[in-house]
Amino acid sequence: MDISQKILSLKVGPEFHLSFPALPVTPYIGANLALNSFSGETTFQGVSKVPSATYSVKGATRFGVGFSAGTEVSIGPLLSLDFNISYNLMNVSGKEWNDVNPGINQRIDSYLSLNDERDPQYSAGDDKHFISKARSIHLVLFTASILFGL
């Protein structure tokens, strides 16, 4: 199975910088609200009870929240390094289950949409409806950037 996910996140929120005049270091913290758009495709090859092929995943949009912390390190009058860690919960609201092929009872339906809510047809031991509870999508991101000032 080969999964190719595309996520576009639009975020808005404050960032607070703590300045130390004598030091070349400026730590900061931030919070955000996000609008996340999910899309992509999945390729199945030799997966039990799933026809081998490449399938487009139905696009979905979810609201999320995030937090970040980092520091800017000045290494010259016009050059800085920025080190950041952020945590994002990408589907706080809007979770849903989509039956892409209504009336057709196939295992592939669980993979053709984001389907982050519980499958309403779930029952223990059913190999076609196996998503028993809602799922959260988390992202932890470490970044290192070079900043050029003008």
C-alpha atoms as a PDB file:
ATOM      1  CA  MET A   1       0.000   0.000   0.000  1.00  0.00           C
ATOM      2  CA  ASP A   2       1.369   3.436  -0.945  1.00  0.00           C
ATOM      3  CA  ILE A   3      -0.302   6.513   0.570  1.00  0.00           C
ATOM      4  CA  SER A   4       0.243  10.017  -0.770  1.00  0.00           C
ATOM      5  CA  GLN A   5      -1.463  12.650   1.407  1.00  0.00           C
ATOM      6  CA  LYS A   6      -1.588  16.360   0.631  1.00  0.00           C
ATOM      7  CA  ILE A   7      -2.474  18.753   3.434  1.00  0.00           C
ATOM      8  CA  LEU A   8      -2.876  22.489   2.989  1.00  0.00           C
ATOM      9  CA  SER A   9      -3.078  24.392   6.291  1.00  0.00           C
ATOM     10  CA  LEU A  10      -4.086  28.022   6.613  1.00  0.00           C
ATOM     11  CA  LYS A  11      -3.327  29.287  10.120  1.00  0.00           C
ATOM     12  CA  VAL A  12      -3.963  32.479  12.024  1.00  0.00           C
ATOM     13  CA  GLY A  13      -2.914  33.351  15.565  1.00  0.00           C
ATOM     14  CA  PRO A  14      -0.666  35.410  17.799  1.00  0.00           C
ATOM     15  CA  GLU A  15       3.045  34.958  18.408  1.00  0.00           C
ATOM     16  CA  PHE A  16       4.704  36.485  21.485  1.00  0.00           C
ATOM     17  CA  HIS A  17       8.423  37.302  21.413  1.00  0.00           C
ATOM     18  CA  LEU A  18      10.499  37.614  24.604  1.00  0.00           C
ATOM     19  CA  SER A  19      13.344  39.974  23.992  1.00  0.00           C
ATOM     20  CA  PHE A  20      16.655  40.062  25.886  1.00  0.00           C
ATOM     21  CA  PRO A  21      18.576  43.197  24.759  1.00  0.00           C
ATOM     22  CA  ALA A  22      22.047  41.926  25.691  1.00  0.00           C
ATOM     23  CA  LEU A  23      21.607  38.478  24.111  1.00  0.00           C
ATOM     24  CA  PRO A  24      21.411  37.495  20.424  1.00  0.00           C
ATOM     25  CA  VAL A  25      18.553  35.077  21.283  1.00  0.00           C
ATOM     26  CA  THR A  26      14.811  35.866  21.013  1.00  0.00           C
ATOM     27  CA  PRO A  27      12.542  33.057  22.249  1.00  0.00           C
ATOM     28  CA  TYR A  28       8.856  33.054  21.291  1.00  0.00           C
ATOM     29  CA  ILE A  29       5.621  31.138  21.777  1.00  0.00           C
ATOM     30  CA  GLY A  30       2.493  31.075  19.638  1.00  0.00           C
ATOM     31  CA  ALA A  31      -0.974  29.616  19.201  1.00  0.00           C
ATOM     32  CA  ASN A  32      -3.132  29.263  16.118  1.00  0.00           C
ATOM     33  CA  LEU A  33      -6.470  28.274  14.661  1.00  0.00           C
ATOM     34  CA  ALA A  34      -6.208  26.376  11.407  1.00  0.00           C
ATOM     35  CA  LEU A  35      -8.257  25.429   8.388  1.00  0.00           C
ATOM     36  CA  ASN A  36      -6.834  22.161   7.024  1.00  0.00           C
ATOM     37  CA  SER A  37      -7.598  20.737   3.579  1.00  0.00           C
ATOM     38  CA  PHE A  38      -6.824  17.034   2.993  1.00  0.00           C
ATOM     39  CA  SER A  39      -6.541  15.224  -0.348  1.00  0.00           C
ATOM     40  CA  GLY A  40      -4.363  12.615  -2.008  1.00  0.00           C
ATOM     41  CA  GLU A  41      -4.350   9.127  -3.382  1.00  0.00           C
ATOM     42  CA  THR A  42      -3.705   5.571  -2.267  1.00  0.00           C
ATOM     43  CA  THR A  43      -2.287   2.691  -4.295  1.00  0.00           C
ATOM     44  CA  PHE A  44      -3.149  -0.865  -3.267  1.00  0.00           C
ATOM     45  CA  GLN A  45      -1.162  -3.854  -4.489  1.00  0.00           C
ATOM     46  CA  GLY A  46      -1.858  -7.294  -3.030  1.00  0.00           C
ATOM     47  CA  VAL A  47      -3.907  -6.055  -0.036  1.00  0.00           C
ATOM     48  CA  SER A  48      -6.458  -8.613   1.142  1.00  0.00           C
ATOM     49  CA  LYS A  49     -10.057  -7.848   0.066  1.00  0.00           C
ATOM     50  CA  VAL A  50      -9.073  -4.596  -1.703  1.00  0.00           C
ATOM     51  CA  PRO A  51      -8.813  -4.455  -5.521  1.00  0.00           C
ATOM     52  CA  SER A  52      -5.280  -3.538  -6.676  1.00  0.00           C
ATOM     53  CA  ALA A  53      -5.336  -0.044  -8.209  1.00  0.00           C
ATOM     54  CA  THR A  54      -4.661   3.635  -7.466  1.00  0.00           C
ATOM     55  CA  TYR A  55      -7.590   5.517  -5.923  1.00  0.00           C
ATOM     56  CA  SER A  56      -8.114   9.236  -5.367  1.00  0.00           C
ATOM     57  CA  VAL A  57      -9.130  10.085  -1.823  1.00  0.00           C
ATOM     58  CA  LYS A  58     -12.178  12.338  -1.527  1.00  0.00           C
ATOM     59  CA  GLY A  59     -11.068  15.785  -0.310  1.00  0.00           C
ATOM     60  CA  ALA A  60     -12.023  16.954   3.183  1.00  0.00           C
ATOM     61  CA  THR A  61     -11.697  20.121   5.263  1.00  0.00           C
ATOM     62  CA  ARG A  62     -11.256  20.225   9.058  1.00  0.00           C
ATOM     63  CA  PHE A  63     -10.686  22.914  11.678  1.00  0.00           C
ATOM     64  CA  GLY A  64      -7.737  22.568  14.045  1.00  0.00           C
ATOM     65  CA  VAL A  65      -5.642  24.239  16.730  1.00  0.00           C
ATOM     66  CA  GLY A  66      -1.915  24.450  17.296  1.00  0.00           C
ATOM     67  CA  PHE A  67       0.846  25.658  19.581  1.00  0.00           C
ATOM     68  CA  SER A  68       4.463  26.518  18.862  1.00  0.00           C
ATOM     69  CA  ALA A  69       7.660  27.536  20.595  1.00  0.00           C
ATOM     70  CA  GLY A  70      10.975  28.569  19.173  1.00  0.00           C
ATOM     71  CA  THR A  71      13.900  30.892  19.230  1.00  0.00           C
ATOM     72  CA  GLU A  72      15.572  33.225  16.772  1.00  0.00           C
ATOM     73  CA  VAL A  73      19.354  33.419  17.021  1.00  0.00           C
ATOM     74  CA  SER A  74      20.986  36.488  15.484  1.00  0.00           C
ATOM     75  CA  ILE A  75      24.260  35.681  13.718  1.00  0.00           C
ATOM     76  CA  GLY A  76      24.775  39.021  12.039  1.00  0.00           C
ATOM     77  CA  PRO A  77      23.068  42.356  11.392  1.00  0.00           C
ATOM     78  CA  LEU A  78      20.898  40.934   8.595  1.00  0.00           C
ATOM     79  CA  LEU A  79      20.989  37.185   9.267  1.00  0.00           C
ATOM     80  CA  SER A  80      19.282  34.969  11.873  1.00  0.00           C
ATOM     81  CA  LEU A  81      18.546  31.314  12.465  1.00  0.00           C
ATOM     82  CA  ASP A  82      15.067  30.265  13.613  1.00  0.00           C
ATOM     83  CA  PHE A  83      14.470  26.978  15.447  1.00  0.00           C
ATOM     84  CA  ASN A  84      10.854  25.991  16.042  1.00  0.00           C
ATOM     85  CA  ILE A  85       8.742  23.100  17.323  1.00  0.00           C
ATOM     86  CA  SER A  86       4.997  23.055  16.809  1.00  0.00           C
ATOM     87  CA  TYR A  87       2.123  20.754  17.684  1.00  0.00           C
ATOM     88  CA  ASN A  88      -1.120  20.777  15.715  1.00  0.00           C
ATOM     89  CA  LEU A  89      -4.362  18.892  16.298  1.00  0.00           C
ATOM     90  CA  MET A  90      -5.659  19.014  12.744  1.00  0.00           C
ATOM     91  CA  ASN A  91      -9.245  17.808  13.102  1.00  0.00           C
ATOM     92  CA  VAL A  92     -10.750  19.266  16.262  1.00  0.00           C
ATOM     93  CA  SER A  93     -14.095  19.754  14.529  1.00  0.00           C
ATOM     94  CA  GLY A  94     -15.783  18.577  11.371  1.00  0.00           C
ATOM     95  CA  LYS A  95     -15.062  14.841  11.750  1.00  0.00           C
ATOM     96  CA  GLU A  96     -17.296  12.716   9.570  1.00  0.00           C
ATOM     97  CA  TRP A  97     -17.746   9.347   7.918  1.00  0.00           C
ATOM     98  CA  ASN A  98     -18.329   9.283   4.153  1.00  0.00           C
ATOM     99  CA  ASP A  99     -19.607   6.174   2.441  1.00  0.00           C
ATOM    100  CA  VAL A 100     -18.123   6.860  -0.998  1.00  0.00           C
ATOM    101  CA  ASN A 101     -20.067   4.014  -2.654  1.00  0.00           C
ATOM    102  CA  PRO A 102     -23.438   3.910  -0.835  1.00  0.00           C
ATOM    103  CA  GLY A 103     -25.145   0.541  -1.028  1.00  0.00           C
ATOM    104  CA  ILE A 104     -21.955  -1.257  -2.018  1.00  0.00           C
ATOM    105  CA  ASN A 105     -20.495  -2.990   1.025  1.00  0.00           C
ATOM    106  CA  GLN A 106     -16.726  -3.089   0.353  1.00  0.00           C
ATOM    107  CA  ARG A 107     -13.616  -2.724   2.509  1.00  0.00           C
ATOM    108  CA  ILE A 108     -12.216  -0.143   0.025  1.00  0.00           C
ATOM    109  CA  ASP A 109     -14.845   2.391   1.183  1.00  0.00           C
ATOM    110  CA  SER A 110     -12.895   2.882   4.429  1.00  0.00           C
ATOM    111  CA  TYR A 111      -9.908   4.174   2.447  1.00  0.00           C
ATOM    112  CA  LEU A 112     -11.535   6.447  -0.148  1.00  0.00           C
ATOM    113  CA  SER A 113     -12.266   9.342   2.214  1.00  0.00           C
ATOM    114  CA  LEU A 114     -10.591  10.852   5.284  1.00  0.00           C
ATOM    115  CA  ASN A 115     -13.188   9.037   7.439  1.00  0.00           C
ATOM    116  CA  ASP A 116     -12.008  10.311  10.812  1.00  0.00           C
ATOM    117  CA  GLU A 117     -15.370   9.591  12.483  1.00  0.00           C
ATOM    118  CA  ARG A 118     -16.522   6.133  13.608  1.00  0.00           C
ATOM    119  CA  ASP A 119     -17.933   3.907  10.850  1.00  0.00           C
ATOM    120  CA  PRO A 120     -21.691   3.781  11.584  1.00  0.00           C
ATOM    121  CA  GLN A 121     -21.789   0.190  10.246  1.00  0.00           C
ATOM    122  CA  TYR A 122     -18.941  -1.010  12.487  1.00  0.00           C
ATOM    123  CA  SER A 123     -19.406  -4.327  14.235  1.00  0.00           C
ATOM    124  CA  ALA A 124     -16.747  -6.417  15.992  1.00  0.00           C
ATOM    125  CA  GLY A 125     -15.144  -8.944  13.646  1.00  0.00           C
ATOM    126  CA  ASP A 126     -16.452  -7.291  10.442  1.00  0.00           C
ATOM    127  CA  ASP A 127     -13.520  -6.979   8.023  1.00  0.00           C
ATOM    128  CA  LYS A 128     -15.364  -4.447   5.811  1.00  0.00           C
ATOM    129  CA  HIS A 129     -16.330  -1.975   8.549  1.00  0.00           C
ATOM    130  CA  PHE A 130     -13.394  -1.936  10.965  1.00  0.00           C
ATOM    131  CA  ILE A 131     -13.105   1.717  12.107  1.00  0.00           C
ATOM    132  CA  SER A 132     -14.539   1.460  15.615  1.00  0.00           C
ATOM    133  CA  LYS A 133     -13.978   4.988  16.947  1.00  0.00           C
ATOM    134  CA  ALA A 134     -13.307   8.563  15.861  1.00  0.00           C
ATOM    135  CA  ARG A 135      -9.661   9.340  15.087  1.00  0.00           C
ATOM    136  CA  SER A 136      -7.605  12.466  15.680  1.00  0.00           C
ATOM    137  CA  ILE A 137      -4.919  13.711  13.309  1.00  0.00           C
ATOM    138  CA  HIS A 138      -1.839  15.103  15.098  1.00  0.00           C
ATOM    139  CA  LEU A 139       1.204  16.799  13.625  1.00  0.00           C
ATOM    140  CA  VAL A 140       4.501  17.562  15.360  1.00  0.00           C
ATOM    141  CA  LEU A 141       6.842  19.668  13.268  1.00  0.00           C
ATOM    142  CA  PHE A 142      10.479  20.646  13.881  1.00  0.00           C
ATOM    143  CA  THR A 143      11.858  23.408  11.653  1.00  0.00           C
ATOM    144  CA  ALA A 144      15.154  25.208  11.238  1.00  0.00           C
ATOM    145  CA  SER A 145      15.121  28.285   9.012  1.00  0.00           C
ATOM    146  CA  ILE A 146      17.526  30.965   7.834  1.00  0.00           C
ATOM    147  CA  LEU A 147      16.065  34.478   8.062  1.00  0.00           C
ATOM    148  CA  PHE A 148      17.388  37.330   5.941  1.00  0.00           C
ATOM    149  CA  GLY A 149      16.628  40.891   7.067  1.00  0.00           C
ATOM    150  CA  LEU A 150      16.420  43.880   4.816  1.00  0.00           C
END
